[in-house]
Amino acid sequence: MTQPKFAPTLESGEVRDILKLPVPEPWTTHRPADYRPAPHRSERPNGGIPGPDQGYALYLAERLHDRLRLTGNERADDVLVGAVMIGLRRASLFGRAPVTADVELALELFGYLDEALPDQIEAREQHFSGAAHDYWQQRDIADGVPESTLRLTLPEVRRRLAADPQAWRALAGVSA
């Protein structure tokens, strides 16, 4: 309620003009950890592409643990870390947080969710062995899968693998 003009007021009690702030400058990414939607991959080899909420991929991978079909020479932690790295790369290509399909696609490529071919088992044992403890191996696993494969949907990958079981090499980027 306003105060009538005839009522006496002290100078300190009078209504003052509001403080007007200047219009802020446009925001730009300037800190090292700021998210950049289109990073330049040529700046650093094996540097990766940052994406939001990457720790969530570890939780998603743990949910798929019981579906893994491993041989006696494979360790679940190596496989899941490798799959997480591939899934994170896929998610960051789309500029979003990881989802279950990202990690599941990585596991499908190497035959960890279905019956695997003998050459697939041999290749994946060499590819993923010790990955849980070697960052550079994790980077190599993630960088080895072609970007064209990562841009496919999970049903498309499953269709291609069902149509040609040997297509896994080209899709996963594993040489013969």
C-alpha atoms as a PDB file:
ATOM      1  CA  MET A   1       0.000   0.000   0.000  1.00  0.00           C
ATOM      2  CA  THR A   2       1.309   3.401  -0.895  1.00  0.00           C
ATOM      3  CA  GLN A   3       1.782   6.109   1.602  1.00  0.00           C
ATOM      4  CA  PRO A   4      -0.349   9.246   1.297  1.00  0.00           C
ATOM      5  CA  LYS A   5       1.533  12.413   0.319  1.00  0.00           C
ATOM      6  CA  PHE A   6       0.314  14.343   3.370  1.00  0.00           C
ATOM      7  CA  ALA A   7       1.795  11.839   5.862  1.00  0.00           C
ATOM      8  CA  PRO A   8       5.175  12.887   7.186  1.00  0.00           C
ATOM      9  CA  THR A   9       8.071  10.500   6.313  1.00  0.00           C
ATOM     10  CA  LEU A  10      11.733  10.492   7.032  1.00  0.00           C
ATOM     11  CA  GLU A  11      14.156  10.723   4.125  1.00  0.00           C
ATOM     12  CA  SER A  12      15.382   7.183   4.820  1.00  0.00           C
ATOM     13  CA  GLY A  13      11.833   5.844   4.547  1.00  0.00           C
ATOM     14  CA  GLU A  14      11.085   7.323   1.134  1.00  0.00           C
ATOM     15  CA  VAL A  15      10.685   5.057  -1.862  1.00  0.00           C
ATOM     16  CA  ARG A  16      13.779   5.105  -4.058  1.00  0.00           C
ATOM     17  CA  ASP A  17      14.305   4.356  -7.715  1.00  0.00           C
ATOM     18  CA  ILE A  18      15.189   0.774  -8.501  1.00  0.00           C
ATOM     19  CA  LEU A  19      18.724  -0.246  -9.293  1.00  0.00           C
ATOM     20  CA  LYS A  20      18.947  -0.886 -13.015  1.00  0.00           C
ATOM     21  CA  LEU A  21      21.467  -3.512 -14.075  1.00  0.00           C
ATOM     22  CA  PRO A  22      23.094  -3.398 -17.504  1.00  0.00           C
ATOM     23  CA  VAL A  23      22.145  -5.988 -20.127  1.00  0.00           C
ATOM     24  CA  PRO A  24      24.626  -8.898 -19.832  1.00  0.00           C
ATOM     25  CA  GLU A  25      27.029  -9.746 -22.637  1.00  0.00           C
ATOM     26  CA  PRO A  26      26.336 -12.926 -24.675  1.00  0.00           C
ATOM     27  CA  TRP A  27      27.709 -16.047 -22.959  1.00  0.00           C
ATOM     28  CA  THR A  28      30.506 -18.035 -24.553  1.00  0.00           C
ATOM     29  CA  THR A  29      32.378 -21.147 -23.527  1.00  0.00           C
ATOM     30  CA  HIS A  30      35.668 -20.029 -22.043  1.00  0.00           C
ATOM     31  CA  ARG A  31      36.420 -22.449 -19.228  1.00  0.00           C
ATOM     32  CA  PRO A  32      38.222 -25.745 -19.936  1.00  0.00           C
ATOM     33  CA  ALA A  33      35.310 -27.946 -18.798  1.00  0.00           C
ATOM     34  CA  ASP A  34      32.532 -26.094 -20.623  1.00  0.00           C
ATOM     35  CA  TYR A  35      30.588 -28.296 -23.004  1.00  0.00           C
ATOM     36  CA  ARG A  36      31.192 -27.545 -26.667  1.00  0.00           C
ATOM     37  CA  PRO A  37      28.608 -29.149 -28.981  1.00  0.00           C
ATOM     38  CA  ALA A  38      30.947 -29.466 -31.978  1.00  0.00           C
ATOM     39  CA  PRO A  39      34.490 -30.142 -30.738  1.00  0.00           C
ATOM     40  CA  HIS A  40      37.389 -30.322 -33.149  1.00  0.00           C
ATOM     41  CA  ARG A  41      38.702 -33.876 -32.996  1.00  0.00           C
ATOM     42  CA  SER A  42      41.896 -32.951 -34.797  1.00  0.00           C
ATOM     43  CA  GLU A  43      43.159 -30.950 -31.822  1.00  0.00           C
ATOM     44  CA  ARG A  44      44.328 -33.964 -29.793  1.00  0.00           C
ATOM     45  CA  PRO A  45      44.592 -37.623 -30.736  1.00  0.00           C
ATOM     46  CA  ASN A  46      42.845 -40.018 -28.331  1.00  0.00           C
ATOM     47  CA  GLY A  47      41.365 -37.073 -26.469  1.00  0.00           C
ATOM     48  CA  GLY A  48      37.767 -38.163 -26.754  1.00  0.00           C
ATOM     49  CA  ILE A  49      34.685 -36.031 -27.092  1.00  0.00           C
ATOM     50  CA  PRO A  50      33.129 -34.661 -23.907  1.00  0.00           C
ATOM     51  CA  GLY A  51      29.490 -35.404 -23.286  1.00  0.00           C
ATOM     52  CA  PRO A  52      27.051 -34.786 -20.430  1.00  0.00           C
ATOM     53  CA  ASP A  53      26.421 -37.197 -17.536  1.00  0.00           C
ATOM     54  CA  GLN A  54      29.021 -39.768 -18.549  1.00  0.00           C
ATOM     55  CA  GLY A  55      29.081 -41.535 -15.183  1.00  0.00           C
ATOM     56  CA  TYR A  56      25.547 -42.763 -15.818  1.00  0.00           C
ATOM     57  CA  ALA A  57      26.916 -45.168 -18.462  1.00  0.00           C
ATOM     58  CA  LEU A  58      28.623 -47.195 -15.714  1.00  0.00           C
ATOM     59  CA  TYR A  59      25.255 -47.734 -14.040  1.00  0.00           C
ATOM     60  CA  LEU A  60      23.695 -48.744 -17.360  1.00  0.00           C
ATOM     61  CA  ALA A  61      26.495 -51.237 -17.999  1.00  0.00           C
ATOM     62  CA  GLU A  62      26.025 -52.839 -14.584  1.00  0.00           C
ATOM     63  CA  ARG A  63      22.356 -53.414 -15.425  1.00  0.00           C
ATOM     64  CA  LEU A  64      23.472 -55.467 -18.460  1.00  0.00           C
ATOM     65  CA  HIS A  65      25.977 -57.551 -16.461  1.00  0.00           C
ATOM     66  CA  ASP A  66      23.672 -60.560 -16.042  1.00  0.00           C
ATOM     67  CA  ARG A  67      23.050 -60.794 -19.813  1.00  0.00           C
ATOM     68  CA  LEU A  68      26.746 -61.152 -20.714  1.00  0.00           C
ATOM     69  CA  ARG A  69      27.913 -64.403 -22.303  1.00  0.00           C
ATOM     70  CA  LEU A  70      31.569 -64.668 -21.405  1.00  0.00           C
ATOM     71  CA  THR A  71      34.175 -67.355 -21.981  1.00  0.00           C
ATOM     72  CA  GLY A  72      36.538 -68.565 -19.268  1.00  0.00           C
ATOM     73  CA  ASN A  73      39.240 -66.133 -20.447  1.00  0.00           C
ATOM     74  CA  GLU A  74      37.106 -62.987 -20.228  1.00  0.00           C
ATOM     75  CA  ARG A  75      36.395 -60.741 -17.268  1.00  0.00           C
ATOM     76  CA  ALA A  76      33.116 -58.872 -16.950  1.00  0.00           C
ATOM     77  CA  ASP A  77      34.767 -55.670 -15.726  1.00  0.00           C
ATOM     78  CA  ASP A  78      37.015 -55.483 -18.816  1.00  0.00           C
ATOM     79  CA  VAL A  79      34.070 -56.070 -21.133  1.00  0.00           C
ATOM     80  CA  LEU A  80      31.789 -53.563 -19.430  1.00  0.00           C
ATOM     81  CA  VAL A  81      34.436 -50.817 -19.354  1.00  0.00           C
ATOM     82  CA  GLY A  82      35.110 -51.321 -23.065  1.00  0.00           C
ATOM     83  CA  ALA A  83      31.392 -51.237 -23.823  1.00  0.00           C
ATOM     84  CA  VAL A  84      30.978 -48.081 -21.721  1.00  0.00           C
ATOM     85  CA  MET A  85      33.739 -46.346 -23.675  1.00  0.00           C
ATOM     86  CA  ILE A  86      32.101 -47.221 -26.995  1.00  0.00           C
ATOM     87  CA  GLY A  87      28.704 -46.182 -25.628  1.00  0.00           C
ATOM     88  CA  LEU A  88      30.058 -42.851 -24.377  1.00  0.00           C
ATOM     89  CA  ARG A  89      31.581 -42.107 -27.758  1.00  0.00           C
ATOM     90  CA  ARG A  90      28.262 -42.891 -29.426  1.00  0.00           C
ATOM     91  CA  ALA A  91      26.290 -40.711 -26.997  1.00  0.00           C
ATOM     92  CA  SER A  92      28.682 -37.785 -27.386  1.00  0.00           C
ATOM     93  CA  LEU A  93      28.346 -37.922 -31.191  1.00  0.00           C
ATOM     94  CA  PHE A  94      24.686 -37.048 -30.682  1.00  0.00           C
ATOM     95  CA  GLY A  95      25.464 -34.481 -27.953  1.00  0.00           C
ATOM     96  CA  ARG A  96      23.451 -36.234 -25.264  1.00  0.00           C
ATOM     97  CA  ALA A  97      23.832 -38.329 -22.141  1.00  0.00           C
ATOM     98  CA  PRO A  98      24.288 -42.107 -22.565  1.00  0.00           C
ATOM     99  CA  VAL A  99      21.286 -44.435 -22.743  1.00  0.00           C
ATOM    100  CA  THR A 100      21.050 -48.215 -22.457  1.00  0.00           C
ATOM    101  CA  ALA A 101      21.046 -48.635 -26.242  1.00  0.00           C
ATOM    102  CA  ASP A 102      24.544 -47.091 -26.445  1.00  0.00           C
ATOM    103  CA  VAL A 103      26.113 -49.704 -24.186  1.00  0.00           C
ATOM    104  CA  GLU A 104      23.937 -52.492 -25.601  1.00  0.00           C
ATOM    105  CA  LEU A 105      25.038 -51.648 -29.152  1.00  0.00           C
ATOM    106  CA  ALA A 106      28.683 -52.053 -28.114  1.00  0.00           C
ATOM    107  CA  LEU A 107      27.972 -55.438 -26.530  1.00  0.00           C
ATOM    108  CA  GLU A 108      26.005 -56.587 -29.609  1.00  0.00           C
ATOM    109  CA  LEU A 109      28.889 -55.683 -31.931  1.00  0.00           C
ATOM    110  CA  PHE A 110      31.232 -58.084 -30.181  1.00  0.00           C
ATOM    111  CA  GLY A 111      28.687 -60.841 -29.546  1.00  0.00           C
ATOM    112  CA  TYR A 112      28.473 -60.525 -25.787  1.00  0.00           C
ATOM    113  CA  LEU A 113      24.675 -60.775 -25.671  1.00  0.00           C
ATOM    114  CA  ASP A 114      24.160 -63.719 -28.059  1.00  0.00           C
ATOM    115  CA  GLU A 115      26.068 -66.723 -29.330  1.00  0.00           C
ATOM    116  CA  ALA A 116      29.407 -65.501 -30.654  1.00  0.00           C
ATOM    117  CA  LEU A 117      31.390 -66.899 -33.571  1.00  0.00           C
ATOM    118  CA  PRO A 118      34.773 -68.541 -32.776  1.00  0.00           C
ATOM    119  CA  ASP A 119      36.745 -65.802 -34.569  1.00  0.00           C
ATOM    120  CA  GLN A 120      34.647 -63.181 -32.790  1.00  0.00           C
ATOM    121  CA  ILE A 121      35.514 -64.705 -29.405  1.00  0.00           C
ATOM    122  CA  GLU A 122      39.203 -64.803 -30.273  1.00  0.00           C
ATOM    123  CA  ALA A 123      39.233 -61.178 -31.430  1.00  0.00           C
ATOM    124  CA  ARG A 124      37.278 -59.846 -28.485  1.00  0.00           C
ATOM    125  CA  GLU A 125      39.445 -61.693 -25.932  1.00  0.00           C
ATOM    126  CA  GLN A 126      42.483 -59.867 -27.326  1.00  0.00           C
ATOM    127  CA  HIS A 127      40.623 -56.610 -27.770  1.00  0.00           C
ATOM    128  CA  PHE A 128      39.108 -56.297 -24.278  1.00  0.00           C
ATOM    129  CA  SER A 129      41.648 -58.176 -22.112  1.00  0.00           C
ATOM    130  CA  GLY A 130      42.843 -55.855 -19.327  1.00  0.00           C
ATOM    131  CA  ALA A 131      40.815 -52.873 -20.541  1.00  0.00           C
ATOM    132  CA  ALA A 132      39.476 -52.071 -17.077  1.00  0.00           C
ATOM    133  CA  HIS A 133      42.962 -51.010 -15.958  1.00  0.00           C
ATOM    134  CA  ASP A 134      44.402 -49.343 -19.078  1.00  0.00           C
ATOM    135  CA  TYR A 135      43.064 -45.953 -20.159  1.00  0.00           C
ATOM    136  CA  TRP A 136      44.851 -45.968 -23.522  1.00  0.00           C
ATOM    137  CA  GLN A 137      43.420 -49.377 -24.348  1.00  0.00           C
ATOM    138  CA  GLN A 138      39.975 -48.035 -23.490  1.00  0.00           C
ATOM    139  CA  ARG A 139      40.546 -45.113 -25.881  1.00  0.00           C
ATOM    140  CA  ASP A 140      41.689 -47.527 -28.599  1.00  0.00           C
ATOM    141  CA  ILE A 141      38.547 -49.641 -28.120  1.00  0.00           C
ATOM    142  CA  ALA A 142      36.310 -46.574 -28.407  1.00  0.00           C
ATOM    143  CA  ASP A 143      38.189 -45.085 -31.353  1.00  0.00           C
ATOM    144  CA  GLY A 144      38.307 -48.405 -33.217  1.00  0.00           C
ATOM    145  CA  VAL A 145      34.578 -48.574 -33.907  1.00  0.00           C
ATOM    146  CA  PRO A 146      33.767 -46.574 -37.057  1.00  0.00           C
ATOM    147  CA  GLU A 147      31.603 -43.501 -36.638  1.00  0.00           C
ATOM    148  CA  SER A 148      29.236 -44.821 -39.318  1.00  0.00           C
ATOM    149  CA  THR A 149      28.483 -47.805 -37.071  1.00  0.00           C
ATOM    150  CA  LEU A 150      27.901 -45.601 -34.038  1.00  0.00           C
ATOM    151  CA  ARG A 151      25.347 -43.574 -35.971  1.00  0.00           C
ATOM    152  CA  LEU A 152      23.239 -46.702 -36.636  1.00  0.00           C
ATOM    153  CA  THR A 153      20.332 -47.570 -34.380  1.00  0.00           C
ATOM    154  CA  LEU A 154      20.453 -50.717 -32.258  1.00  0.00           C
ATOM    155  CA  PRO A 155      17.765 -52.478 -34.384  1.00  0.00           C
ATOM    156  CA  GLU A 156      19.734 -51.651 -37.559  1.00  0.00           C
ATOM    157  CA  VAL A 157      22.890 -53.215 -36.086  1.00  0.00           C
ATOM    158  CA  ARG A 158      20.934 -56.303 -35.054  1.00  0.00           C
ATOM    159  CA  ARG A 159      19.441 -56.617 -38.561  1.00  0.00           C
ATOM    160  CA  ARG A 160      22.856 -56.358 -40.205  1.00  0.00           C
ATOM    161  CA  LEU A 161      24.360 -58.944 -37.864  1.00  0.00           C
ATOM    162  CA  ALA A 162      21.416 -61.298 -38.415  1.00  0.00           C
ATOM    163  CA  ALA A 163      21.657 -60.940 -42.216  1.00  0.00           C
ATOM    164  CA  ASP A 164      25.439 -61.491 -42.317  1.00  0.00           C
ATOM    165  CA  PRO A 165      27.120 -62.883 -39.172  1.00  0.00           C
ATOM    166  CA  GLN A 166      30.561 -61.921 -40.537  1.00  0.00           C
ATOM    167  CA  ALA A 167      29.526 -58.252 -40.783  1.00  0.00           C
ATOM    168  CA  TRP A 168      30.615 -57.787 -37.170  1.00  0.00           C
ATOM    169  CA  ARG A 169      34.245 -57.182 -38.267  1.00  0.00           C
ATOM    170  CA  ALA A 170      33.358 -54.217 -40.469  1.00  0.00           C
ATOM    171  CA  LEU A 171      30.835 -52.857 -37.975  1.00  0.00           C
ATOM    172  CA  ALA A 172      33.221 -53.155 -34.996  1.00  0.00           C
ATOM    173  CA  GLY A 173      36.282 -51.978 -36.913  1.00  0.00           C
ATOM    174  CA  VAL A 174      38.232 -55.168 -36.237  1.00  0.00           C
ATOM    175  CA  SER A 175      40.590 -56.283 -39.002  1.00  0.00           C
ATOM    176  CA  ALA A 176      40.848 -59.926 -40.030  1.00  0.00           C
END
